[in-house]
Structures are given as structure tokens and as C-alpha cells.
Amino acid sequence: MSLSQQQVMELARTARLAVSPEEAAALAEELTGLLELCREVQDADVQGVEPLVEPSERPGEFRPDEVRPGLTQEEALANAPDACDGYFRVPSMMAGAEGEGGGA
């Protein structure tokens, strides 16, 4: 299947993409090549080929879960730009919120 420049322009319009006629001509060639590759894959004889469950023969390798000490509250807040009463202080995200912490 071959795409024309006009078909590419229509696809671009549908996708709301600004494509010049020169770009459409180049895209028509590229897309036609991709469609041909898709056709080859679609026509490939896969009779007797087992479905692939894992892309690799080795299953996923993960590190074992280990309990490790975390940061203390003081360590976590050490580089915070603003902290109050042991918590991070952040700008309010609520429209019209009163006060510095945006409390209700």
C-alpha cells in the first residue's frame, strides 16, 4: 500500500498537525515504508511458533527485600527550605486558603 501526499495531508489535518506540502511528500515516503514493513510482519509465517512469554530466557532479576534504617525526622528536614513543627512547609494549593500553611 502506498500513501499519497494528499492522504498524508488529510491525516495531518485530522490530527490537527501543520504539515507543509514538502513535509507531506517526505512523510508519504516514510509512512509507505512503514506500512510495507507492517505488511511483511503481518504476512510472516508463524505456524508452529510458540508465543513468547518473556523477552529473555532469564526471568526478571530483583534484589531481595531488606529492611534498612531510614532517615530520622531531623535528617529528612535538614535540607528543607521551610519546615514547621517537624513537617515540610509548602505553599498552599487551595484557592483562597487562609494563613501560611493553607489550613482550613
PDB file of N, CA and C in Angstrom:
ATOM      1  N   MET A   1       0.847  -1.181   0.000  1.00  0.00           N
ATOM      2  CA  MET A   1       0.000   0.000   0.000  1.00  0.00           C
ATOM      3  C   MET A   1       0.889   1.240   0.000  1.00  0.00           C
ATOM      4  N   SER A   2       0.539   2.166  -0.800  1.00  0.00           N
ATOM      5  CA  SER A   2       1.301   3.395  -0.947  1.00  0.00           C
ATOM      6  C   SER A   2       0.414   4.571  -0.548  1.00  0.00           C
ATOM      7  N   LEU A   3       0.981   5.481   0.245  1.00  0.00           N
ATOM      8  CA  LEU A   3       0.231   6.674   0.637  1.00  0.00           C
ATOM      9  C   LEU A   3       0.591   7.830  -0.285  1.00  0.00           C
ATOM     10  N   SER A   4      -0.399   8.594  -0.659  1.00  0.00           N
ATOM     11  CA  SER A   4      -0.159   9.776  -1.483  1.00  0.00           C
ATOM     12  C   SER A   4       0.073  10.991  -0.586  1.00  0.00           C
ATOM     13  N   GLN A   5       0.614  12.027  -1.184  1.00  0.00           N
ATOM     14  CA  GLN A   5       0.813  13.273  -0.461  1.00  0.00           C
ATOM     15  C   GLN A   5      -0.527  13.812   0.032  1.00  0.00           C
ATOM     16  N   GLN A   6      -1.568  13.676  -0.774  1.00  0.00           N
ATOM     17  CA  GLN A   6      -2.903  14.148  -0.397  1.00  0.00           C
ATOM     18  C   GLN A   6      -3.421  13.377   0.822  1.00  0.00           C
ATOM     19  N   GLN A   7      -3.198  12.066   0.872  1.00  0.00           N
ATOM     20  CA  GLN A   7      -3.640  11.270   2.020  1.00  0.00           C
ATOM     21  C   GLN A   7      -2.903  11.702   3.284  1.00  0.00           C
ATOM     22  N   VAL A   8      -1.611  11.989   3.158  1.00  0.00           N
ATOM     23  CA  VAL A   8      -0.838  12.459   4.311  1.00  0.00           C
ATOM     24  C   VAL A   8      -1.359  13.811   4.772  1.00  0.00           C
ATOM     25  N   MET A   9      -1.677  14.686   3.846  1.00  0.00           N
ATOM     26  CA  MET A   9      -2.223  15.992   4.216  1.00  0.00           C
ATOM     27  C   MET A   9      -3.555  15.836   4.948  1.00  0.00           C
ATOM     28  N   GLU A  10      -4.386  14.892   4.510  1.00  0.00           N
ATOM     29  CA  GLU A  10      -5.672  14.641   5.166  1.00  0.00           C
ATOM     30  C   GLU A  10      -5.456  14.065   6.565  1.00  0.00           C
ATOM     31  N   LEU A  11      -4.514  13.142   6.696  1.00  0.00           N
ATOM     32  CA  LEU A  11      -4.189  12.595   8.021  1.00  0.00           C
ATOM     33  C   LEU A  11      -3.690  13.698   8.949  1.00  0.00           C
ATOM     34  N   ALA A  12      -2.830  14.565   8.428  1.00  0.00           N
ATOM     35  CA  ALA A  12      -2.297  15.670   9.236  1.00  0.00           C
ATOM     36  C   ALA A  12      -3.421  16.602   9.671  1.00  0.00           C
ATOM     37  N   ARG A  13      -4.338  16.897   8.757  1.00  0.00           N
ATOM     38  CA  ARG A  13      -5.469  17.769   9.105  1.00  0.00           C
ATOM     39  C   ARG A  13      -6.321  17.136  10.187  1.00  0.00           C
ATOM     40  N   THR A  14      -6.581  15.837  10.055  1.00  0.00           N
ATOM     41  CA  THR A  14      -7.383  15.124  11.053  1.00  0.00           C
ATOM     42  C   THR A  14      -6.704  15.142  12.419  1.00  0.00           C
ATOM     43  N   ALA A  15      -5.378  15.003  12.419  1.00  0.00           N
ATOM     44  CA  ALA A  15      -4.617  15.009  13.671  1.00  0.00           C
ATOM     45  C   ALA A  15      -4.292  16.422  14.142  1.00  0.00           C
ATOM     46  N   ARG A  16      -4.755  17.419  13.386  1.00  0.00           N
ATOM     47  CA  ARG A  16      -4.525  18.828  13.695  1.00  0.00           C
ATOM     48  C   ARG A  16      -3.031  19.152  13.759  1.00  0.00           C
ATOM     49  N   LEU A  17      -2.305  18.627  12.756  1.00  0.00           N
ATOM     50  CA  LEU A  17      -0.882  18.893  12.626  1.00  0.00           C
ATOM     51  C   LEU A  17      -0.648  19.799  11.427  1.00  0.00           C
ATOM     52  N   ALA A  18       0.219  20.765  11.582  1.00  0.00           N
ATOM     53  CA  ALA A  18       0.573  21.646  10.472  1.00  0.00           C
ATOM     54  C   ALA A  18       1.689  20.977   9.684  1.00  0.00           C
ATOM     55  N   VAL A  19       1.389  20.581   8.454  1.00  0.00           N
ATOM     56  CA  VAL A  19       2.353  19.905   7.593  1.00  0.00           C
ATOM     57  C   VAL A  19       2.378  20.609   6.251  1.00  0.00           C
ATOM     58  N   SER A  20       3.576  20.999   5.847  1.00  0.00           N
ATOM     59  CA  SER A  20       3.714  21.646   4.539  1.00  0.00           C
ATOM     60  C   SER A  20       3.661  20.584   3.450  1.00  0.00           C
ATOM     61  N   PRO A  21       3.393  20.994   2.199  1.00  0.00           N
ATOM     62  CA  PRO A  21       3.378  20.026   1.099  1.00  0.00           C
ATOM     63  C   PRO A  21       4.710  19.283   0.951  1.00  0.00           C
ATOM     64  N   GLU A  22       5.828  19.963   1.199  1.00  0.00           N
ATOM     65  CA  GLU A  22       7.143  19.315   1.127  1.00  0.00           C
ATOM     66  C   GLU A  22       7.277  18.241   2.216  1.00  0.00           C
ATOM     67  N   GLU A  23       6.838  18.593   3.431  1.00  0.00           N
ATOM     68  CA  GLU A  23       6.878  17.622   4.527  1.00  0.00           C
ATOM     69  C   GLU A  23       5.952  16.450   4.230  1.00  0.00           C
ATOM     70  N   ALA A  24       4.796  16.729   3.649  1.00  0.00           N
ATOM     71  CA  ALA A  24       3.840  15.672   3.331  1.00  0.00           C
ATOM     72  C   ALA A  24       4.422  14.694   2.326  1.00  0.00           C
ATOM     73  N   ALA A  25       5.175  15.200   1.361  1.00  0.00           N
ATOM     74  CA  ALA A  25       5.790  14.328   0.359  1.00  0.00           C
ATOM     75  C   ALA A  25       6.806  13.400   1.024  1.00  0.00           C
ATOM     76  N   ALA A  26       7.633  13.953   1.916  1.00  0.00           N
ATOM     77  CA  ALA A  26       8.631  13.138   2.619  1.00  0.00           C
ATOM     78  C   ALA A  26       7.945  12.140   3.552  1.00  0.00           C
ATOM     79  N   LEU A  27       6.911  12.595   4.245  1.00  0.00           N
ATOM     80  CA  LEU A  27       6.183  11.708   5.149  1.00  0.00           C
ATOM     81  C   LEU A  27       5.479  10.589   4.395  1.00  0.00           C
ATOM     82  N   ALA A  28       4.994  10.893   3.211  1.00  0.00           N
ATOM     83  CA  ALA A  28       4.319   9.867   2.414  1.00  0.00           C
ATOM     84  C   ALA A  28       5.280   8.724   2.121  1.00  0.00           C
ATOM     85  N   GLU A  29       6.520   9.042   1.779  1.00  0.00           N
ATOM     86  CA  GLU A  29       7.525   8.004   1.516  1.00  0.00           C
ATOM     87  C   GLU A  29       7.837   7.208   2.777  1.00  0.00           C
ATOM     88  N   GLU A  30       8.050   7.914   3.897  1.00  0.00           N
ATOM     89  CA  GLU A  30       8.383   7.244   5.151  1.00  0.00           C
ATOM     90  C   GLU A  30       7.233   6.347   5.619  1.00  0.00           C
ATOM     91  N   LEU A  31       6.020   6.878   5.589  1.00  0.00           N
ATOM     92  CA  LEU A  31       4.870   6.109   6.046  1.00  0.00           C
ATOM     93  C   LEU A  31       4.596   4.911   5.137  1.00  0.00           C
ATOM     94  N   THR A  32       4.822   5.077   3.848  1.00  0.00           N
ATOM     95  CA  THR A  32       4.653   3.959   2.920  1.00  0.00           C
ATOM     96  C   THR A  32       5.644   2.849   3.267  1.00  0.00           C
ATOM     97  N   GLY A  33       6.882   3.221   3.583  1.00  0.00           N
ATOM     98  CA  GLY A  33       7.883   2.233   4.004  1.00  0.00           C
ATOM     99  C   GLY A  33       7.465   1.511   5.270  1.00  0.00           C
ATOM    100  N   LEU A  34       6.919   2.256   6.234  1.00  0.00           N
ATOM    101  CA  LEU A  34       6.450   1.634   7.479  1.00  0.00           C
ATOM    102  C   LEU A  34       5.280   0.685   7.223  1.00  0.00           C
ATOM    103  N   LEU A  35       4.373   1.095   6.359  1.00  0.00           N
ATOM    104  CA  LEU A  35       3.239   0.227   6.037  1.00  0.00           C
ATOM    105  C   LEU A  35       3.704  -1.061   5.360  1.00  0.00           C
ATOM    106  N   GLU A  36       4.729  -0.957   4.509  1.00  0.00           N
ATOM    107  CA  GLU A  36       5.267  -2.148   3.859  1.00  0.00           C
ATOM    108  C   GLU A  36       5.893  -3.082   4.880  1.00  0.00           C
ATOM    109  N   LEU A  37       6.617  -2.525   5.863  1.00  0.00           N
ATOM    110  CA  LEU A  37       7.194  -3.357   6.930  1.00  0.00           C
ATOM    111  C   LEU A  37       6.090  -4.033   7.743  1.00  0.00           C
ATOM    112  N   CYS A  38       5.031  -3.311   8.042  1.00  0.00           N
ATOM    113  CA  CYS A  38       3.903  -3.899   8.777  1.00  0.00           C
ATOM    114  C   CYS A  38       3.277  -5.036   7.981  1.00  0.00           C
ATOM    115  N   ARG A  39       3.165  -4.858   6.682  1.00  0.00           N
ATOM    116  CA  ARG A  39       2.602  -5.896   5.818  1.00  0.00           C
ATOM    117  C   ARG A  39       3.493  -7.145   5.864  1.00  0.00           C
ATOM    118  N   GLU A  40       4.815  -6.965   5.829  1.00  0.00           N
ATOM    119  CA  GLU A  40       5.739  -8.102   5.891  1.00  0.00           C
ATOM    120  C   GLU A  40       5.575  -8.862   7.205  1.00  0.00           C
ATOM    121  N   VAL A  41       5.463  -8.129   8.303  1.00  0.00           N
ATOM    122  CA  VAL A  41       5.276  -8.770   9.605  1.00  0.00           C
ATOM    123  C   VAL A  41       3.942  -9.505   9.633  1.00  0.00           C
ATOM    124  N   GLN A  42       2.914  -8.871   9.104  1.00  0.00           N
ATOM    125  CA  GLN A  42       1.586  -9.472   9.082  1.00  0.00           C
ATOM    126  C   GLN A  42       1.578 -10.751   8.238  1.00  0.00           C
ATOM    127  N   ASP A  43       2.339 -10.769   7.160  1.00  0.00           N
ATOM    128  CA  ASP A  43       2.365 -11.920   6.262  1.00  0.00           C
ATOM    129  C   ASP A  43       3.352 -13.009   6.681  1.00  0.00           C
ATOM    130  N   ALA A  44       4.116 -12.769   7.737  1.00  0.00           N
ATOM    131  CA  ALA A  44       5.120 -13.745   8.165  1.00  0.00           C
ATOM    132  C   ALA A  44       4.447 -15.047   8.587  1.00  0.00           C
ATOM    133  N   ASP A  45       5.080 -16.166   8.227  1.00  0.00           N
ATOM    134  CA  ASP A  45       4.564 -17.487   8.582  1.00  0.00           C
ATOM    135  C   ASP A  45       4.961 -17.787  10.029  1.00  0.00           C
ATOM    136  N   VAL A  46       4.001 -17.816  10.911  1.00  0.00           N
ATOM    137  CA  VAL A  46       4.273 -18.074  12.326  1.00  0.00           C
ATOM    138  C   VAL A  46       3.676 -19.409  12.765  1.00  0.00           C
ATOM    139  N   GLN A  47       3.353 -20.232  11.800  1.00  0.00           N
ATOM    140  CA  GLN A  47       2.798 -21.551  12.116  1.00  0.00           C
ATOM    141  C   GLN A  47       3.822 -22.339  12.929  1.00  0.00           C
ATOM    142  N   GLY A  48       3.414 -22.833  14.082  1.00  0.00           N
ATOM    143  CA  GLY A  48       4.288 -23.636  14.917  1.00  0.00           C
ATOM    144  C   GLY A  48       5.207 -22.836  15.823  1.00  0.00           C
ATOM    145  N   VAL A  49       5.126 -21.521  15.796  1.00  0.00           N
ATOM    146  CA  VAL A  49       5.963 -20.690  16.662  1.00  0.00           C
ATOM    147  C   VAL A  49       5.234 -20.496  17.987  1.00  0.00           C
ATOM    148  N   GLU A  50       5.913 -20.872  19.067  1.00  0.00           N
ATOM    149  CA  GLU A  50       5.311 -20.729  20.393  1.00  0.00           C
ATOM    150  C   GLU A  50       5.273 -19.261  20.799  1.00  0.00           C
ATOM    151  N   PRO A  51       4.210 -18.841  21.463  1.00  0.00           N
ATOM    152  CA  PRO A  51       4.141 -17.451  21.933  1.00  0.00           C
ATOM    153  C   PRO A  51       5.265 -17.162  22.918  1.00  0.00           C
ATOM    154  N   LEU A  52       5.798 -15.975  22.857  1.00  0.00           N
ATOM    155  CA  LEU A  52       6.879 -15.561  23.733  1.00  0.00           C
ATOM    156  C   LEU A  52       6.282 -14.996  25.017  1.00  0.00           C
ATOM    157  N   VAL A  53       6.675 -15.594  26.142  1.00  0.00           N
ATOM    158  CA  VAL A  53       6.174 -15.121  27.427  1.00  0.00           C
ATOM    159  C   VAL A  53       7.132 -14.093  28.010  1.00  0.00           C
ATOM    160  N   GLU A  54       8.424 -14.379  27.956  1.00  0.00           N
ATOM    161  CA  GLU A  54       9.453 -13.482  28.452  1.00  0.00           C
ATOM    162  C   GLU A  54      10.334 -13.072  27.280  1.00  0.00           C
ATOM    163  N   PRO A  55      10.729 -11.807  27.193  1.00  0.00           N
ATOM    164  CA  PRO A  55      11.614 -11.404  26.102  1.00  0.00           C
ATOM    165  C   PRO A  55      13.023 -11.956  26.260  1.00  0.00           C
ATOM    166  N   SER A  56      13.315 -12.503  27.407  1.00  0.00           N
ATOM    167  CA  SER A  56      14.631 -13.063  27.678  1.00  0.00           C
ATOM    168  C   SER A  56      14.442 -14.456  28.275  1.00  0.00           C
ATOM    169  N   GLU A  57      15.449 -15.277  28.142  1.00  0.00           N
ATOM    170  CA  GLU A  57      15.351 -16.608  28.742  1.00  0.00           C
ATOM    171  C   GLU A  57      15.427 -16.538  30.258  1.00  0.00           C
ATOM    172  N   ARG A  58      16.047 -15.484  30.763  1.00  0.00           N
ATOM    173  CA  ARG A  58      16.157 -15.332  32.213  1.00  0.00           C
ATOM    174  C   ARG A  58      14.972 -14.511  32.719  1.00  0.00           C
ATOM    175  N   PRO A  59      14.310 -15.000  33.731  1.00  0.00           N
ATOM    176  CA  PRO A  59      13.218 -14.183  34.291  1.00  0.00           C
ATOM    177  C   PRO A  59      13.794 -12.937  34.959  1.00  0.00           C
ATOM    178  N   GLY A  60      12.922 -11.999  35.281  1.00  0.00           N
ATOM    179  CA  GLY A  60      13.367 -10.764  35.912  1.00  0.00           C
ATOM    180  C   GLY A  60      14.178 -11.030  37.165  1.00  0.00           C
ATOM    181  N   GLU A  61      15.264 -10.297  37.301  1.00  0.00           N
ATOM    182  CA  GLU A  61      16.119 -10.451  38.469  1.00  0.00           C
ATOM    183  C   GLU A  61      15.929  -9.232  39.351  1.00  0.00           C
ATOM    184  N   PHE A  62      15.543  -9.481  40.577  1.00  0.00           N
ATOM    185  CA  PHE A  62      15.319  -8.413  41.526  1.00  0.00           C
ATOM    186  C   PHE A  62      16.196  -8.636  42.742  1.00  0.00           C
ATOM    187  N   ARG A  63      16.562  -7.566  43.397  1.00  0.00           N
ATOM    188  CA  ARG A  63      17.323  -7.715  44.624  1.00  0.00           C
ATOM    189  C   ARG A  63      16.376  -8.156  45.728  1.00  0.00           C
ATOM    190  N   PRO A  64      16.875  -8.883  46.712  1.00  0.00           N
ATOM    191  CA  PRO A  64      15.996  -9.297  47.809  1.00  0.00           C
ATOM    192  C   PRO A  64      15.587  -8.083  48.648  1.00  0.00           C
ATOM    193  N   ASP A  65      14.382  -8.148  49.187  1.00  0.00           N
ATOM    194  CA  ASP A  65      13.926  -7.087  50.075  1.00  0.00           C
ATOM    195  C   ASP A  65      14.703  -7.159  51.378  1.00  0.00           C
ATOM    196  N   GLU A  66      15.198  -6.021  51.800  1.00  0.00           N
ATOM    197  CA  GLU A  66      15.924  -5.941  53.064  1.00  0.00           C
ATOM    198  C   GLU A  66      15.393  -4.750  53.847  1.00  0.00           C
ATOM    199  N   VAL A  67      15.220  -4.943  55.119  1.00  0.00           N
ATOM    200  CA  VAL A  67      14.835  -3.833  55.973  1.00  0.00           C
ATOM    201  C   VAL A  67      16.108  -3.070  56.301  1.00  0.00           C
ATOM    202  N   ARG A  68      16.092  -1.779  55.969  1.00  0.00           N
ATOM    203  CA  ARG A  68      17.244  -0.927  56.247  1.00  0.00           C
ATOM    204  C   ARG A  68      16.755   0.303  56.985  1.00  0.00           C
ATOM    205  N   PRO A  69      17.607   0.882  57.790  1.00  0.00           N
ATOM    206  CA  PRO A  69      17.174   2.076  58.522  1.00  0.00           C
ATOM    207  C   PRO A  69      16.946   3.242  57.567  1.00  0.00           C
ATOM    208  N   GLY A  70      15.923   4.017  57.851  1.00  0.00           N
ATOM    209  CA  GLY A  70      15.619   5.197  57.056  1.00  0.00           C
ATOM    210  C   GLY A  70      16.172   6.440  57.720  1.00  0.00           C
ATOM    211  N   LEU A  71      15.779   7.586  57.206  1.00  0.00           N
ATOM    212  CA  LEU A  71      16.217   8.850  57.780  1.00  0.00           C
ATOM    213  C   LEU A  71      15.425   9.162  59.045  1.00  0.00           C
ATOM    214  N   THR A  72      16.080   9.820  59.956  1.00  0.00           N
ATOM    215  CA  THR A  72      15.350  10.333  61.118  1.00  0.00           C
ATOM    216  C   THR A  72      14.585  11.573  60.661  1.00  0.00           C
ATOM    217  N   GLN A  73      13.663  12.030  61.470  1.00  0.00           N
ATOM    218  CA  GLN A  73      12.895  13.212  61.116  1.00  0.00           C
ATOM    219  C   GLN A  73      13.816  14.420  60.941  1.00  0.00           C
ATOM    220  N   GLU A  74      14.801  14.548  61.806  1.00  0.00           N
ATOM    221  CA  GLU A  74      15.726  15.671  61.723  1.00  0.00           C
ATOM    222  C   GLU A  74      16.555  15.598  60.434  1.00  0.00           C
ATOM    223  N   GLU A  75      17.001  14.394  60.062  1.00  0.00           N
ATOM    224  CA  GLU A  75      17.777  14.233  58.834  1.00  0.00           C
ATOM    225  C   GLU A  75      16.922  14.555  57.606  1.00  0.00           C
ATOM    226  N   ALA A  76      15.672  14.134  57.622  1.00  0.00           N
ATOM    227  CA  ALA A  76      14.786  14.385  56.489  1.00  0.00           C
ATOM    228  C   ALA A  76      14.526  15.874  56.310  1.00  0.00           C
ATOM    229  N   LEU A  77      14.435  16.612  57.395  1.00  0.00           N
ATOM    230  CA  LEU A  77      14.128  18.040  57.328  1.00  0.00           C
ATOM    231  C   LEU A  77      15.370  18.922  57.259  1.00  0.00           C
ATOM    232  N   ALA A  78      16.560  18.320  57.338  1.00  0.00           N
ATOM    233  CA  ALA A  78      17.801  19.098  57.411  1.00  0.00           C
ATOM    234  C   ALA A  78      17.971  20.052  56.227  1.00  0.00           C
ATOM    235  N   ASN A  79      17.626  19.640  55.033  1.00  0.00           N
ATOM    236  CA  ASN A  79      17.811  20.493  53.857  1.00  0.00           C
ATOM    237  C   ASN A  79      16.510  21.077  53.334  1.00  0.00           C
ATOM    238  N   ALA A  80      15.444  20.959  54.096  1.00  0.00           N
ATOM    239  CA  ALA A  80      14.154  21.504  53.658  1.00  0.00           C
ATOM    240  C   ALA A  80      14.238  23.023  53.619  1.00  0.00           C
ATOM    241  N   PRO A  81      13.721  23.648  52.570  1.00  0.00           N
ATOM    242  CA  PRO A  81      13.748  25.103  52.510  1.00  0.00           C
ATOM    243  C   PRO A  81      12.886  25.745  53.590  1.00  0.00           C
ATOM    244  N   ASP A  82      11.866  25.022  54.053  1.00  0.00           N
ATOM    245  CA  ASP A  82      10.988  25.561  55.095  1.00  0.00           C
ATOM    246  C   ASP A  82      10.358  24.397  55.849  1.00  0.00           C
ATOM    247  N   ALA A  83      10.450  24.432  57.157  1.00  0.00           N
ATOM    248  CA  ALA A  83       9.861  23.384  57.990  1.00  0.00           C
ATOM    249  C   ALA A  83       9.194  24.039  59.185  1.00  0.00           C
ATOM    250  N   CYS A  84       8.172  23.360  59.716  1.00  0.00           N
ATOM    251  CA  CYS A  84       7.458  23.886  60.872  1.00  0.00           C
ATOM    252  C   CYS A  84       6.928  22.718  61.686  1.00  0.00           C
ATOM    253  N   ASP A  85       7.259  22.682  62.969  1.00  0.00           N
ATOM    254  CA  ASP A  85       6.774  21.655  63.892  1.00  0.00           C
ATOM    255  C   ASP A  85       7.063  20.239  63.390  1.00  0.00           C
ATOM    256  N   GLY A  86       8.230  20.028  62.788  1.00  0.00           N
ATOM    257  CA  GLY A  86       8.618  18.699  62.346  1.00  0.00           C
ATOM    258  C   GLY A  86       8.039  18.264  61.009  1.00  0.00           C
ATOM    259  N   TYR A  87       7.463  19.186  60.243  1.00  0.00           N
ATOM    260  CA  TYR A  87       6.875  18.866  58.941  1.00  0.00           C
ATOM    261  C   TYR A  87       7.462  19.784  57.871  1.00  0.00           C
ATOM    262  N   PHE A  88       7.388  19.348  56.612  1.00  0.00           N
ATOM    263  CA  PHE A  88       7.748  20.218  55.499  1.00  0.00           C
ATOM    264  C   PHE A  88       6.649  21.255  55.353  1.00  0.00           C
ATOM    265  N   ARG A  89       7.038  22.521  55.167  1.00  0.00           N
ATOM    266  CA  ARG A  89       6.045  23.556  54.908  1.00  0.00           C
ATOM    267  C   ARG A  89       6.090  23.850  53.410  1.00  0.00           C
ATOM    268  N   VAL A  90       4.925  23.799  52.769  1.00  0.00           N
ATOM    269  CA  VAL A  90       4.836  24.025  51.327  1.00  0.00           C
ATOM    270  C   VAL A  90       3.783  25.086  51.059  1.00  0.00           C
ATOM    271  N   PRO A  91       3.874  25.749  49.904  1.00  0.00           N
ATOM    272  CA  PRO A  91       2.861  26.757  49.576  1.00  0.00           C
ATOM    273  C   PRO A  91       1.480  26.102  49.444  1.00  0.00           C
ATOM    274  N   SER A  92       0.470  26.847  49.797  1.00  0.00           N
ATOM    275  CA  SER A  92      -0.897  26.355  49.701  1.00  0.00           C
ATOM    276  C   SER A  92      -1.295  26.158  48.246  1.00  0.00           C
ATOM    277  N   MET A  93      -2.001  25.083  47.973  1.00  0.00           N
ATOM    278  CA  MET A  93      -2.503  24.811  46.635  1.00  0.00           C
ATOM    279  C   MET A  93      -3.999  25.098  46.542  1.00  0.00           C
ATOM    280  N   MET A  94      -4.598  25.488  47.644  1.00  0.00           N
ATOM    281  CA  MET A  94      -6.029  25.749  47.699  1.00  0.00           C
ATOM    282  C   MET A  94      -6.286  27.216  47.379  1.00  0.00           C
ATOM    283  N   ALA A  95      -7.163  27.477  46.417  1.00  0.00           N
ATOM    284  CA  ALA A  95      -7.506  28.848  46.061  1.00  0.00           C
ATOM    285  C   ALA A  95      -8.200  29.518  47.228  1.00  0.00           C
ATOM    286  N   GLY A  96      -7.694  30.677  47.585  1.00  0.00           N
ATOM    287  CA  GLY A  96      -8.326  31.436  48.654  1.00  0.00           C
ATOM    288  C   GLY A  96      -8.063  30.891  50.048  1.00  0.00           C
ATOM    289  N   ALA A  97      -7.060  30.024  50.196  1.00  0.00           N
ATOM    290  CA  ALA A  97      -6.770  29.450  51.521  1.00  0.00           C
ATOM    291  C   ALA A  97      -6.204  30.541  52.423  1.00  0.00           C
ATOM    292  N   GLU A  98      -6.582  30.496  53.668  1.00  0.00           N
ATOM    293  CA  GLU A  98      -6.129  31.474  54.636  1.00  0.00           C
ATOM    294  C   GLU A  98      -4.860  30.973  55.336  1.00  0.00           C
ATOM    295  N   GLY A  99      -4.004  31.893  55.748  1.00  0.00           N
ATOM    296  CA  GLY A  99      -2.844  31.540  56.542  1.00  0.00           C
ATOM    297  C   GLY A  99      -1.715  30.967  55.715  1.00  0.00           C
ATOM    298  N   GLU A 100      -0.522  30.823  56.375  1.00  0.00           N
ATOM    299  CA  GLU A 100       0.656  30.353  55.660  1.00  0.00           C
ATOM    300  C   GLU A 100       0.577  28.894  55.292  1.00  0.00           C
ATOM    301  N   GLY A 101       0.045  28.056  56.142  1.00  0.00           N
ATOM    302  CA  GLY A 101       0.010  26.639  55.878  1.00  0.00           C
ATOM    303  C   GLY A 101      -1.194  26.218  55.063  1.00  0.00           C
ATOM    304  N   GLY A 102      -2.077  27.140  54.767  1.00  0.00           N
ATOM    305  CA  GLY A 102      -3.255  26.816  53.999  1.00  0.00           C
ATOM    306  C   GLY A 102      -4.267  26.011  54.776  1.00  0.00           C
ATOM    307  N   GLY A 103      -4.182  26.094  56.103  1.00  0.00           N
ATOM    308  CA  GLY A 103      -5.087  25.316  56.944  1.00  0.00           C
ATOM    309  C   GLY A 103      -6.520  25.762  56.797  1.00  0.00           C
ATOM    310  N   ALA A 104      -7.418  24.860  57.077  1.00  0.00           N
ATOM    311  CA  ALA A 104      -8.834  25.180  56.944  1.00  0.00           C
ATOM    312  C   ALA A 104      -9.378  25.714  58.227  1.00  0.00           C
TER     313      ALA A 104
END
